[in-house]
PDB file of all heavy atoms in Angstrom:
ATOM      1  N   GLU A   1     189.756  35.917 102.429  1.00  0.00           N
ATOM      2  CA  GLU A   1     190.781  36.688 103.084  1.00  0.00           C
ATOM      3  C   GLU A   1     192.098  36.011 102.840  1.00  0.00           C
ATOM      4  O   GLU A   1     192.234  34.724 102.872  1.00  0.00           O
ATOM      5  CB  GLU A   1     190.622  36.840 104.583  1.00  0.00           C
ATOM      6  CG  GLU A   1     189.363  37.645 104.914  1.00  0.00           C
ATOM      7  CD  GLU A   1     189.119  37.757 106.423  1.00  0.00           C
ATOM      8  OE1 GLU A   1     189.834  37.023 107.142  1.00  0.00           O
ATOM      9  OE2 GLU A   1     188.293  38.474 106.909  1.00  0.00           O
ATOM     10  N   PRO A   2     193.246  36.776 102.643  1.00  0.00           N
ATOM     11  CA  PRO A   2     194.579  36.102 102.627  1.00  0.00           C
ATOM     12  C   PRO A   2     194.864  35.310 103.867  1.00  0.00           C
ATOM     13  O   PRO A   2     194.521  35.709 104.977  1.00  0.00           O
ATOM     14  CB  PRO A   2     195.520  37.341 102.453  1.00  0.00           C
ATOM     15  CG  PRO A   2     194.681  38.394 101.846  1.00  0.00           C
ATOM     16  CD  PRO A   2     193.317  38.217 102.427  1.00  0.00           C
ATOM     17  N   LEU A   3     195.516  34.210 103.699  1.00  0.00           N
ATOM     18  CA  LEU A   3     195.763  33.310 104.873  1.00  0.00           C
ATOM     19  C   LEU A   3     196.829  34.042 105.773  1.00  0.00           C
ATOM     20  O   LEU A   3     197.812  34.579 105.261  1.00  0.00           O
ATOM     21  CB  LEU A   3     196.287  31.966 104.376  1.00  0.00           C
ATOM     22  CG  LEU A   3     195.230  30.862 104.164  1.00  0.00           C
ATOM     23  CD1 LEU A   3     194.313  31.296 103.071  1.00  0.00           C
ATOM     24  CD2 LEU A   3     195.912  29.510 103.883  1.00  0.00           C
ATOM     25  N   ALA A   4     196.586  33.946 107.082  1.00  0.00           N
ATOM     26  CA  ALA A   4     197.476  34.516 108.028  1.00  0.00           C
ATOM     27  C   ALA A   4     198.185  33.353 108.817  1.00  0.00           C
ATOM     28  O   ALA A   4     197.447  32.439 109.364  1.00  0.00           O
ATOM     29  CB  ALA A   4     196.755  35.443 109.072  1.00  0.00           C
ATOM     30  N   ARG A   5     199.473  33.353 108.923  1.00  0.00           N
ATOM     31  CA  ARG A   5     200.186  32.305 109.582  1.00  0.00           C
ATOM     32  C   ARG A   5     199.975  32.371 111.096  1.00  0.00           C
ATOM     33  O   ARG A   5     200.006  33.445 111.687  1.00  0.00           O
ATOM     34  CB  ARG A   5     201.684  32.442 109.236  1.00  0.00           C
ATOM     35  CG  ARG A   5     202.545  31.264 109.663  1.00  0.00           C
ATOM     36  CD  ARG A   5     204.026  31.545 109.221  1.00  0.00           C
ATOM     37  NE  ARG A   5     204.101  31.622 107.710  1.00  0.00           N
ATOM     38  CZ  ARG A   5     204.258  30.578 106.938  1.00  0.00           C
ATOM     39  NH1 ARG A   5     204.478  29.417 107.447  1.00  0.00           N
ATOM     40  NH2 ARG A   5     204.341  30.750 105.659  1.00  0.00           N
ATOM     41  N   THR A   6     199.805  31.231 111.747  1.00  0.00           N
ATOM     42  CA  THR A   6     199.668  31.127 113.217  1.00  0.00           C
ATOM     43  C   THR A   6     200.573  30.079 113.769  1.00  0.00           C
ATOM     44  O   THR A   6     201.224  29.354 112.976  1.00  0.00           O
ATOM     45  CB  THR A   6     198.212  30.770 113.584  1.00  0.00           C
ATOM     46  OG1 THR A   6     197.909  29.414 113.296  1.00  0.00           O
ATOM     47  CG2 THR A   6     197.166  31.691 112.857  1.00  0.00           C
ATOM     48  N   GLN A   7     200.614  29.875 115.054  1.00  0.00           N
ATOM     49  CA  GLN A   7     201.373  28.821 115.633  1.00  0.00           C
ATOM     50  C   GLN A   7     200.812  27.463 115.361  1.00  0.00           C
ATOM     51  O   GLN A   7     201.534  26.459 115.443  1.00  0.00           O
ATOM     52  CB  GLN A   7     201.451  29.048 117.159  1.00  0.00           C
ATOM     53  CG  GLN A   7     202.330  30.206 117.599  1.00  0.00           C
ATOM     54  CD  GLN A   7     202.425  30.392 119.073  1.00  0.00           C
ATOM     55  OE1 GLN A   7     201.604  29.810 119.808  1.00  0.00           O
ATOM     56  NE2 GLN A   7     203.414  31.100 119.537  1.00  0.00           N
ATOM     57  N   LEU A   8     199.505  27.438 114.965  1.00  0.00           N
ATOM     58  CA  LEU A   8     198.898  26.137 114.702  1.00  0.00           C
ATOM     59  C   LEU A   8     198.778  25.813 113.179  1.00  0.00           C
ATOM     60  O   LEU A   8     198.597  24.646 112.803  1.00  0.00           O
ATOM     61  CB  LEU A   8     197.455  26.115 115.246  1.00  0.00           C
ATOM     62  CG  LEU A   8     197.322  26.368 116.807  1.00  0.00           C
ATOM     63  CD1 LEU A   8     195.840  26.397 117.177  1.00  0.00           C
ATOM     64  CD2 LEU A   8     198.074  25.336 117.603  1.00  0.00           C
ATOM     65  N   GLY A   9     198.934  26.790 112.334  1.00  0.00           N
ATOM     66  CA  GLY A   9     198.752  26.684 110.930  1.00  0.00           C
ATOM     67  C   GLY A   9     198.504  27.979 110.279  1.00  0.00           C
ATOM     68  O   GLY A   9     199.291  28.898 110.164  1.00  0.00           O
ATOM     69  N   PHE A  10     197.188  28.146 109.829  1.00  0.00           N
ATOM     70  CA  PHE A  10     196.811  29.364 109.106  1.00  0.00           C
ATOM     71  C   PHE A  10     195.393  29.669 109.458  1.00  0.00           C
ATOM     72  O   PHE A  10     194.532  28.835 109.586  1.00  0.00           O
ATOM     73  CB  PHE A  10     196.956  29.269 107.638  1.00  0.00           C
ATOM     74  CG  PHE A  10     198.404  29.036 107.170  1.00  0.00           C
ATOM     75  CD1 PHE A  10     198.885  27.696 107.132  1.00  0.00           C
ATOM     76  CD2 PHE A  10     199.278  30.024 106.865  1.00  0.00           C
ATOM     77  CE1 PHE A  10     200.172  27.424 106.685  1.00  0.00           C
ATOM     78  CE2 PHE A  10     200.491  29.793 106.500  1.00  0.00           C
ATOM     79  CZ  PHE A  10     200.994  28.508 106.341  1.00  0.00           C
ATOM     80  N   ASP A  11     195.045  30.985 109.532  1.00  0.00           N
ATOM     81  CA  ASP A  11     193.683  31.505 109.754  1.00  0.00           C
ATOM     82  C   ASP A  11     193.283  32.344 108.526  1.00  0.00           C
ATOM     83  O   ASP A  11     194.192  33.011 107.871  1.00  0.00           O
ATOM     84  CB  ASP A  11     193.594  32.347 111.022  1.00  0.00           C
ATOM     85  CG  ASP A  11     193.666  31.545 112.291  1.00  0.00           C
ATOM     86  OD1 ASP A  11     193.645  30.306 112.230  1.00  0.00           O
ATOM     87  OD2 ASP A  11     193.764  32.185 113.352  1.00  0.00           O
ATOM     88  N   TYR A  12     191.995  32.379 108.201  1.00  0.00           N
ATOM     89  CA  TYR A  12     191.449  33.129 107.192  1.00  0.00           C
ATOM     90  C   TYR A  12     189.943  33.176 107.339  1.00  0.00           C
ATOM     91  O   TYR A  12     189.446  32.665 108.274  1.00  0.00           O
ATOM     92  CB  TYR A  12     191.842  32.583 105.840  1.00  0.00           C
ATOM     93  CG  TYR A  12     191.063  31.385 105.400  1.00  0.00           C
ATOM     94  CD1 TYR A  12     190.182  31.439 104.329  1.00  0.00           C
ATOM     95  CD2 TYR A  12     191.149  30.158 106.084  1.00  0.00           C
ATOM     96  CE1 TYR A  12     189.415  30.326 103.943  1.00  0.00           C
ATOM     97  CE2 TYR A  12     190.434  28.999 105.668  1.00  0.00           C
ATOM     98  CZ  TYR A  12     189.529  29.146 104.617  1.00  0.00           C
ATOM     99  OH  TYR A  12     188.763  28.084 104.294  1.00  0.00           O
ATOM    100  N   MET A  13     189.266  33.706 106.311  1.00  0.00           N
ATOM    101  CA  MET A  13     187.789  33.605 106.249  1.00  0.00           C
ATOM    102  C   MET A  13     187.307  33.576 104.835  1.00  0.00           C
ATOM    103  O   MET A  13     187.755  34.380 104.031  1.00  0.00           O
ATOM    104  CB  MET A  13     187.145  34.844 106.978  1.00  0.00           C
ATOM    105  CG  MET A  13     185.574  34.698 107.090  1.00  0.00           C
ATOM    106  SD  MET A  13     185.076  33.309 108.120  1.00  0.00           S
ATOM    107  CE  MET A  13     183.358  33.200 107.753  1.00  0.00           C
ATOM    108  N   ASP A  14     186.523  32.578 104.565  1.00  0.00           N
ATOM    109  CA  ASP A  14     185.958  32.477 103.236  1.00  0.00           C
ATOM    110  C   ASP A  14     184.977  33.617 103.018  1.00  0.00           C
ATOM    111  O   ASP A  14     184.240  34.007 103.906  1.00  0.00           O
ATOM    112  CB  ASP A  14     185.144  31.092 103.137  1.00  0.00           C
ATOM    113  CG  ASP A  14     184.661  30.832 101.739  1.00  0.00           C
ATOM    114  OD1 ASP A  14     183.978  31.709 101.196  1.00  0.00           O
ATOM    115  OD2 ASP A  14     184.893  29.704 101.265  1.00  0.00           O
ATOM    116  N   LEU A  15     185.011  34.133 101.808  1.00  0.00           N
ATOM    117  CA  LEU A  15     184.107  35.374 101.496  1.00  0.00           C
ATOM    118  C   LEU A  15     183.079  35.081 100.474  1.00  0.00           C
ATOM    119  O   LEU A  15     182.732  35.945  99.665  1.00  0.00           O
ATOM    120  CB  LEU A  15     185.046  36.573 101.089  1.00  0.00           C
ATOM    121  CG  LEU A  15     185.975  37.003 102.197  1.00  0.00           C
ATOM    122  CD1 LEU A  15     186.916  38.108 101.740  1.00  0.00           C
ATOM    123  CD2 LEU A  15     185.138  37.505 103.472  1.00  0.00           C
ATOM    124  N   ALA A  16     182.562  33.893 100.472  1.00  0.00           N
ATOM    125  CA  ALA A  16     181.361  33.509  99.755  1.00  0.00           C
ATOM    126  C   ALA A  16     181.538  33.187  98.243  1.00  0.00           C
ATOM    127  O   ALA A  16     181.118  32.101  97.766  1.00  0.00           O
ATOM    128  CB  ALA A  16     180.167  34.530  99.990  1.00  0.00           C
ATOM    129  N   LEU A  17     182.068  34.071  97.447  1.00  0.00           N
ATOM    130  CA  LEU A  17     182.097  33.976  96.023  1.00  0.00           C
ATOM    131  C   LEU A  17     183.188  32.919  95.594  1.00  0.00           C
ATOM    132  O   LEU A  17     184.285  32.931  96.173  1.00  0.00           O
ATOM    133  CB  LEU A  17     182.345  35.267  95.366  1.00  0.00           C
ATOM    134  CG  LEU A  17     182.254  35.312  93.859  1.00  0.00           C
ATOM    135  CD1 LEU A  17     180.809  35.064  93.407  1.00  0.00           C
ATOM    136  CD2 LEU A  17     182.683  36.737  93.330  1.00  0.00           C
ATOM    137  N   ASP A  18     182.777  32.110  94.664  1.00  0.00           N
ATOM    138  CA  ASP A  18     183.740  31.037  94.163  1.00  0.00           C
ATOM    139  C   ASP A  18     183.668  30.972  92.613  1.00  0.00           C
ATOM    140  O   ASP A  18     182.769  31.514  92.017  1.00  0.00           O
ATOM    141  CB  ASP A  18     183.386  29.696  94.767  1.00  0.00           C
ATOM    142  CG  ASP A  18     183.329  29.685  96.331  1.00  0.00           C
ATOM    143  OD1 ASP A  18     184.391  30.082  96.858  1.00  0.00           O
ATOM    144  OD2 ASP A  18     182.341  29.312  96.860  1.00  0.00           O
ATOM    145  N   ILE A  19     184.622  30.229  92.076  1.00  0.00           N
ATOM    146  CA  ILE A  19     184.649  29.952  90.637  1.00  0.00           C
ATOM    147  C   ILE A  19     184.878  28.401  90.457  1.00  0.00           C
ATOM    148  O   ILE A  19     185.746  27.834  91.099  1.00  0.00           O
ATOM    149  CB  ILE A  19     185.692  30.673  89.891  1.00  0.00           C
ATOM    150  CG1 ILE A  19     185.575  32.185  90.120  1.00  0.00           C
ATOM    151  CG2 ILE A  19     185.663  30.383  88.393  1.00  0.00           C
ATOM    152  CD1 ILE A  19     186.745  33.025  89.583  1.00  0.00           C
ATOM    153  N   VAL A  20     184.029  27.757  89.679  1.00  0.00           N
ATOM    154  CA  VAL A  20     184.147  26.361  89.440  1.00  0.00           C
ATOM    155  C   VAL A  20     184.658  26.156  87.992  1.00  0.00           C
ATOM    156  O   VAL A  20     184.147  26.767  87.034  1.00  0.00           O
ATOM    157  CB  VAL A  20     182.796  25.612  89.483  1.00  0.00           C
ATOM    158  CG1 VAL A  20     183.011  24.130  89.253  1.00  0.00           C
ATOM    159  CG2 VAL A  20     182.227  25.861  90.949  1.00  0.00           C
ATOM    160  N   ILE A  21     185.817  25.410  87.901  1.00  0.00           N
ATOM    161  CA  ILE A  21     186.450  25.281  86.578  1.00  0.00           C
ATOM    162  C   ILE A  21     186.479  23.754  86.259  1.00  0.00           C
ATOM    163  O   ILE A  21     186.852  22.911  87.187  1.00  0.00           O
ATOM    164  CB  ILE A  21     187.949  25.757  86.668  1.00  0.00           C
ATOM    165  CG1 ILE A  21     187.915  27.281  86.967  1.00  0.00           C
ATOM    166  CG2 ILE A  21     188.563  25.530  85.268  1.00  0.00           C
ATOM    167  CD1 ILE A  21     189.274  27.791  87.337  1.00  0.00           C
ATOM    168  N   ASN A  22     186.044  23.353  85.052  1.00  0.00           N
ATOM    169  CA  ASN A  22     185.995  21.873  84.843  1.00  0.00           C
ATOM    170  C   ASN A  22     187.382  21.270  84.719  1.00  0.00           C
ATOM    171  O   ASN A  22     188.349  21.937  84.597  1.00  0.00           O
ATOM    172  CB  ASN A  22     185.058  21.564  83.607  1.00  0.00           C
ATOM    173  CG  ASN A  22     185.763  22.019  82.357  1.00  0.00           C
ATOM    174  OD1 ASN A  22     186.738  22.745  82.292  1.00  0.00           O
ATOM    175  ND2 ASN A  22     185.150  21.590  81.189  1.00  0.00           N
ATOM    176  N   ALA A  23     187.422  19.936  84.677  1.00  0.00           N
ATOM    177  CA  ALA A  23     188.671  19.229  84.762  1.00  0.00           C
ATOM    178  C   ALA A  23     189.655  19.618  83.689  1.00  0.00           C
ATOM    179  O   ALA A  23     190.874  19.678  83.982  1.00  0.00           O
ATOM    180  CB  ALA A  23     188.423  17.686  84.763  1.00  0.00           C
ATOM    181  N   ASN A  24     189.249  19.815  82.437  1.00  0.00           N
ATOM    182  CA  ASN A  24     190.148  20.093  81.365  1.00  0.00           C
ATOM    183  C   ASN A  24     190.327  21.619  81.137  1.00  0.00           C
ATOM    184  O   ASN A  24     190.936  22.038  80.218  1.00  0.00           O
ATOM    185  CB  ASN A  24     189.588  19.500  80.106  1.00  0.00           C
ATOM    186  CG  ASN A  24     188.228  20.003  79.637  1.00  0.00           C
ATOM    187  OD1 ASN A  24     187.747  21.055  80.147  1.00  0.00           O
ATOM    188  ND2 ASN A  24     187.631  19.318  78.795  1.00  0.00           N
ATOM    189  N   GLN A  25     189.833  22.385  82.129  1.00  0.00           N
ATOM    190  CA  GLN A  25     189.995  23.827  82.162  1.00  0.00           C
ATOM    191  C   GLN A  25     189.392  24.584  80.926  1.00  0.00           C
ATOM    192  O   GLN A  25     189.752  25.766  80.657  1.00  0.00           O
ATOM    193  CB  GLN A  25     191.505  24.189  82.254  1.00  0.00           C
ATOM    194  CG  GLN A  25     192.224  23.558  83.426  1.00  0.00           C
ATOM    195  CD  GLN A  25     193.652  23.975  83.489  1.00  0.00           C
ATOM    196  OE1 GLN A  25     194.174  24.860  82.791  1.00  0.00           O
ATOM    197  NE2 GLN A  25     194.423  23.282  84.357  1.00  0.00           N
ATOM    198  N   GLU A  26     188.460  24.003  80.262  1.00  0.00           N
ATOM    199  CA  GLU A  26     187.821  24.634  79.154  1.00  0.00           C
ATOM    200  C   GLU A  26     186.534  25.400  79.451  1.00  0.00           C
ATOM    201  O   GLU A  26     186.098  26.218  78.658  1.00  0.00           O
ATOM    202  CB  GLU A  26     187.498  23.571  78.087  1.00  0.00           C
ATOM    203  CG  GLU A  26     188.810  22.963  77.453  1.00  0.00           C
ATOM    204  CD  GLU A  26     188.487  21.890  76.412  1.00  0.00           C
ATOM    205  OE1 GLU A  26     187.297  21.578  76.252  1.00  0.00           O
ATOM    206  OE2 GLU A  26     189.414  21.447  75.783  1.00  0.00           O
ATOM    207  N   GLU A  27     185.953  25.155  80.588  1.00  0.00           N
ATOM    208  CA  GLU A  27     184.757  25.824  80.985  1.00  0.00           C
ATOM    209  C   GLU A  27     184.789  26.171  82.447  1.00  0.00           C
ATOM    210  O   GLU A  27     185.483  25.579  83.244  1.00  0.00           O
ATOM    211  CB  GLU A  27     183.471  24.903  80.733  1.00  0.00           C
ATOM    212  CG  GLU A  27     183.277  24.500  79.367  1.00  0.00           C
ATOM    213  CD  GLU A  27     182.117  23.537  79.222  1.00  0.00           C
ATOM    214  OE1 GLU A  27     181.440  23.275  80.204  1.00  0.00           O
ATOM    215  OE2 GLU A  27     181.918  23.040  78.085  1.00  0.00           O
ATOM    216  N   TRP A  28     184.130  27.327  82.778  1.00  0.00           N
ATOM    217  CA  TRP A  28     184.078  27.783  84.195  1.00  0.00           C
ATOM    218  C   TRP A  28     182.811  28.531  84.406  1.00  0.00           C
ATOM    219  O   TRP A  28     182.082  28.928  83.465  1.00  0.00           O
ATOM    220  CB  TRP A  28     185.316  28.690  84.442  1.00  0.00           C
ATOM    221  CG  TRP A  28     185.297  29.981  83.593  1.00  0.00           C
ATOM    222  CD1 TRP A  28     185.904  30.062  82.375  1.00  0.00           C
ATOM    223  CD2 TRP A  28     184.669  31.172  83.887  1.00  0.00           C
ATOM    224  NE1 TRP A  28     185.762  31.349  81.914  1.00  0.00           N
ATOM    225  CE2 TRP A  28     184.924  32.049  82.811  1.00  0.00           C
ATOM    226  CE3 TRP A  28     183.937  31.648  84.935  1.00  0.00           C
ATOM    227  CZ2 TRP A  28     184.441  33.345  82.752  1.00  0.00           C
ATOM    228  CZ3 TRP A  28     183.389  32.936  84.923  1.00  0.00           C
ATOM    229  CH2 TRP A  28     183.720  33.748  83.790  1.00  0.00           C
ATOM    230  N   ARG A  29     182.502  28.692  85.657  1.00  0.00           N
ATOM    231  CA  ARG A  29     181.311  29.494  86.058  1.00  0.00           C
ATOM    232  C   ARG A  29     181.487  30.064  87.497  1.00  0.00           C
ATOM    233  O   ARG A  29     182.196  29.452  88.338  1.00  0.00           O
ATOM    234  CB  ARG A  29     179.994  28.586  86.052  1.00  0.00           C
ATOM    235  CG  ARG A  29     180.036  27.371  87.080  1.00  0.00           C
ATOM    236  CD  ARG A  29     178.821  26.576  86.948  1.00  0.00           C
ATOM    237  NE  ARG A  29     178.926  25.364  87.770  1.00  0.00           N
ATOM    238  CZ  ARG A  29     178.657  25.310  89.020  1.00  0.00           C
ATOM    239  NH1 ARG A  29     178.200  26.396  89.680  1.00  0.00           N
ATOM    240  NH2 ARG A  29     178.707  24.161  89.743  1.00  0.00           N
ATOM    241  N   TRP A  30     180.829  31.205  87.688  1.00  0.00           N
ATOM    242  CA  TRP A  30     180.829  31.751  89.079  1.00  0.00           C
ATOM    243  C   TRP A  30     179.894  30.945  89.940  1.00  0.00           C
ATOM    244  O   TRP A  30     178.895  30.343  89.441  1.00  0.00           O
ATOM    245  CB  TRP A  30     180.313  33.216  88.983  1.00  0.00           C
ATOM    246  CG  TRP A  30     181.187  34.154  88.314  1.00  0.00           C
ATOM    247  CD1 TRP A  30     181.013  34.634  87.029  1.00  0.00           C
ATOM    248  CD2 TRP A  30     182.371  34.828  88.805  1.00  0.00           C
ATOM    249  NE1 TRP A  30     182.067  35.490  86.734  1.00  0.00           N
ATOM    250  CE2 TRP A  30     182.924  35.618  87.816  1.00  0.00           C
ATOM    251  CE3 TRP A  30     183.029  34.733  90.085  1.00  0.00           C
ATOM    252  CZ2 TRP A  30     184.023  36.365  88.031  1.00  0.00           C
ATOM    253  CZ3 TRP A  30     184.204  35.475  90.254  1.00  0.00           C
ATOM    254  CH2 TRP A  30     184.646  36.329  89.207  1.00  0.00           C
ATOM    255  N   LYS A  31     180.191  30.830  91.209  1.00  0.00           N
ATOM    256  CA  LYS A  31     179.366  30.111  92.124  1.00  0.00           C
ATOM    257  C   LYS A  31     179.098  30.877  93.414  1.00  0.00           C
ATOM    258  O   LYS A  31     179.953  31.596  93.875  1.00  0.00           O
ATOM    259  CB  LYS A  31     180.056  28.759  92.499  1.00  0.00           C
ATOM    260  CG  LYS A  31     179.250  27.851  93.480  1.00  0.00           C
ATOM    261  CD  LYS A  31     179.973  26.539  93.704  1.00  0.00           C
ATOM    262  CE  LYS A  31     179.208  25.623  94.634  1.00  0.00           C
ATOM    263  NZ  LYS A  31     179.081  26.201  96.025  1.00  0.00           N
ATOM    264  N   ASP A  32     177.875  30.748  93.898  1.00  0.00           N
ATOM    265  CA  ASP A  32     177.473  31.291  95.225  1.00  0.00           C
ATOM    266  C   ASP A  32     177.418  32.903  95.129  1.00  0.00           C
ATOM    267  O   ASP A  32     177.610  33.583  96.124  1.00  0.00           O
ATOM    268  CB  ASP A  32     178.454  30.950  96.411  1.00  0.00           C
ATOM    269  CG  ASP A  32     178.376  29.454  96.705  1.00  0.00           C
ATOM    270  OD1 ASP A  32     177.341  28.869  96.364  1.00  0.00           O
ATOM    271  OD2 ASP A  32     179.366  28.899  97.229  1.00  0.00           O
ATOM    272  N   GLU A  33     177.055  33.352  93.945  1.00  0.00           N
ATOM    273  CA  GLU A  33     176.846  34.842  93.804  1.00  0.00           C
ATOM    274  C   GLU A  33     175.612  35.235  94.666  1.00  0.00           C
ATOM    275  O   GLU A  33     175.608  36.411  95.201  1.00  0.00           O
ATOM    276  CB  GLU A  33     176.507  35.179  92.397  1.00  0.00           C
ATOM    277  CG  GLU A  33     177.741  34.961  91.468  1.00  0.00           C
ATOM    278  CD  GLU A  33     177.394  35.245  89.980  1.00  0.00           C
ATOM    279  OE1 GLU A  33     176.699  34.429  89.393  1.00  0.00           O
ATOM    280  OE2 GLU A  33     177.817  36.287  89.434  1.00  0.00           O
ATOM    281  N   ASP A  34     174.646  34.327  94.925  1.00  0.00           N
ATOM    282  CA  ASP A  34     173.476  34.677  95.733  1.00  0.00           C
ATOM    283  C   ASP A  34     173.987  34.843  97.209  1.00  0.00           C
ATOM    284  O   ASP A  34     173.500  35.714  97.966  1.00  0.00           O
ATOM    285  CB  ASP A  34     172.415  33.622  95.662  1.00  0.00           C
ATOM    286  CG  ASP A  34     172.949  32.200  95.923  1.00  0.00           C
ATOM    287  OD1 ASP A  34     174.172  31.967  95.797  1.00  0.00           O
ATOM    288  OD2 ASP A  34     172.080  31.285  96.297  1.00  0.00           O
ATOM    289  N   GLU A  35     174.904  33.952  97.689  1.00  0.00           N
ATOM    290  CA  GLU A  35     175.420  34.118  99.023  1.00  0.00           C
ATOM    291  C   GLU A  35     176.208  35.401  99.232  1.00  0.00           C
ATOM    292  O   GLU A  35     176.110  36.010 100.320  1.00  0.00           O
ATOM    293  CB  GLU A  35     176.322  32.897  99.359  1.00  0.00           C
ATOM    294  CG  GLU A  35     175.585  31.595  99.645  1.00  0.00           C
ATOM    295  CD  GLU A  35     176.479  30.500 100.113  1.00  0.00           C
ATOM    296  OE1 GLU A  35     177.630  30.792 100.506  1.00  0.00           O
ATOM    297  OE2 GLU A  35     176.027  29.366  99.960  1.00  0.00           O
ATOM    298  N   LEU A  36     176.971  35.768  98.242  1.00  0.00           N
ATOM    299  CA  LEU A  36     177.675  37.017  98.312  1.00  0.00           C
ATOM    300  C   LEU A  36     176.744  38.198  98.421  1.00  0.00           C
ATOM    301  O   LEU A  36     176.864  39.134  99.242  1.00  0.00           O
ATOM    302  CB  LEU A  36     178.590  37.236  97.064  1.00  0.00           C
ATOM    303  CG  LEU A  36     179.337  38.499  97.059  1.00  0.00           C
ATOM    304  CD1 LEU A  36     180.277  38.629  98.232  1.00  0.00           C
ATOM    305  CD2 LEU A  36     180.174  38.705  95.738  1.00  0.00           C
ATOM    306  N   GLN A  37     175.653  38.160  97.635  1.00  0.00           N
ATOM    307  CA  GLN A  37     174.644  39.265  97.639  1.00  0.00           C
ATOM    308  C   GLN A  37     173.953  39.305  98.989  1.00  0.00           C
ATOM    309  O   GLN A  37     173.770  40.378  99.563  1.00  0.00           O
ATOM    310  CB  GLN A  37     173.587  39.086  96.563  1.00  0.00           C
ATOM    311  CG  GLN A  37     172.544  40.075  96.464  1.00  0.00           C
ATOM    312  CD  GLN A  37     173.085  41.535  96.198  1.00  0.00           C
ATOM    313  OE1 GLN A  37     174.082  41.654  95.508  1.00  0.00           O
ATOM    314  NE2 GLN A  37     172.502  42.539  96.775  1.00  0.00           N
ATOM    315  N   GLU A  38     173.673  38.116  99.538  1.00  0.00           N
ATOM    316  CA  GLU A  38     172.991  38.076 100.884  1.00  0.00           C
ATOM    317  C   GLU A  38     173.952  38.632 101.863  1.00  0.00           C
ATOM    318  O   GLU A  38     173.513  39.382 102.855  1.00  0.00           O
ATOM    319  CB  GLU A  38     172.629  36.606 101.225  1.00  0.00           C
ATOM    320  CG  GLU A  38     171.908  36.492 102.571  1.00  0.00           C
ATOM    321  CD  GLU A  38     171.507  35.080 102.868  1.00  0.00           C
ATOM    322  OE1 GLU A  38     171.864  34.178 102.126  1.00  0.00           O
ATOM    323  OE2 GLU A  38     170.920  34.901 103.977  1.00  0.00           O
ATOM    324  N   ALA A  39     175.239  38.295 101.849  1.00  0.00           N
ATOM    325  CA  ALA A  39     176.253  38.768 102.775  1.00  0.00           C
ATOM    326  C   ALA A  39     176.349  40.272 102.661  1.00  0.00           C
ATOM    327  O   ALA A  39     176.490  41.012 103.766  1.00  0.00           O
ATOM    328  CB  ALA A  39     177.616  38.186 102.522  1.00  0.00           C
ATOM    329  N   VAL A  40     176.249  40.866 101.521  1.00  0.00           N
ATOM    330  CA  VAL A  40     176.251  42.319 101.345  1.00  0.00           C
ATOM    331  C   VAL A  40     175.009  42.945 102.000  1.00  0.00           C
ATOM    332  O   VAL A  40     175.083  43.938 102.693  1.00  0.00           O
ATOM    333  CB  VAL A  40     176.391  42.724  99.797  1.00  0.00           C
ATOM    334  CG1 VAL A  40     176.131  44.212  99.620  1.00  0.00           C
ATOM    335  CG2 VAL A  40     177.721  42.258  99.292  1.00  0.00           C
ATOM    336  N   GLU A  41     173.837  42.316 101.697  1.00  0.00           N
ATOM    337  CA  GLU A  41     172.568  42.876 102.191  1.00  0.00           C
ATOM    338  C   GLU A  41     172.521  42.759 103.715  1.00  0.00           C
ATOM    339  O   GLU A  41     171.877  43.638 104.411  1.00  0.00           O
ATOM    340  CB  GLU A  41     171.426  42.124 101.561  1.00  0.00           C
ATOM    341  CG  GLU A  41     171.254  42.382 100.112  1.00  0.00           C
ATOM    342  CD  GLU A  41     170.235  41.462  99.447  1.00  0.00           C
ATOM    343  OE1 GLU A  41     169.726  40.553 100.161  1.00  0.00           O
ATOM    344  OE2 GLU A  41     169.960  41.671  98.208  1.00  0.00           O
ATOM    345  N   GLU A  42     173.181  41.779 104.314  1.00  0.00           N
ATOM    346  CA  GLU A  42     173.195  41.609 105.763  1.00  0.00           C
ATOM    347  C   GLU A  42     174.297  42.532 106.439  1.00  0.00           C
ATOM    348  O   GLU A  42     174.403  42.501 107.624  1.00  0.00           O
ATOM    349  CB  GLU A  42     173.497  40.166 106.104  1.00  0.00           C
ATOM    350  CG  GLU A  42     172.404  39.170 105.749  1.00  0.00           C
ATOM    351  CD  GLU A  42     171.194  39.232 106.719  1.00  0.00           C
ATOM    352  OE1 GLU A  42     171.361  39.755 107.815  1.00  0.00           O
ATOM    353  OE2 GLU A  42     170.084  38.723 106.387  1.00  0.00           O
ATOM    354  N   GLY A  43     175.061  43.142 105.674  1.00  0.00           N
ATOM    355  CA  GLY A  43     176.094  44.030 106.175  1.00  0.00           C
ATOM    356  C   GLY A  43     177.364  43.307 106.590  1.00  0.00           C
ATOM    357  O   GLY A  43     178.182  43.882 107.309  1.00  0.00           O
TER     358      GLY A  43
END
């Protein structure tokens, strides 16, 4: 979720899906697709 400004800092919520990119930016992969699918199945 987009970060929301608060009096303490910022609030948001991670939404499971991620992308991992290697140090030289030449390779990448999706991560936690299984968690996203589980989150969808759980509603």
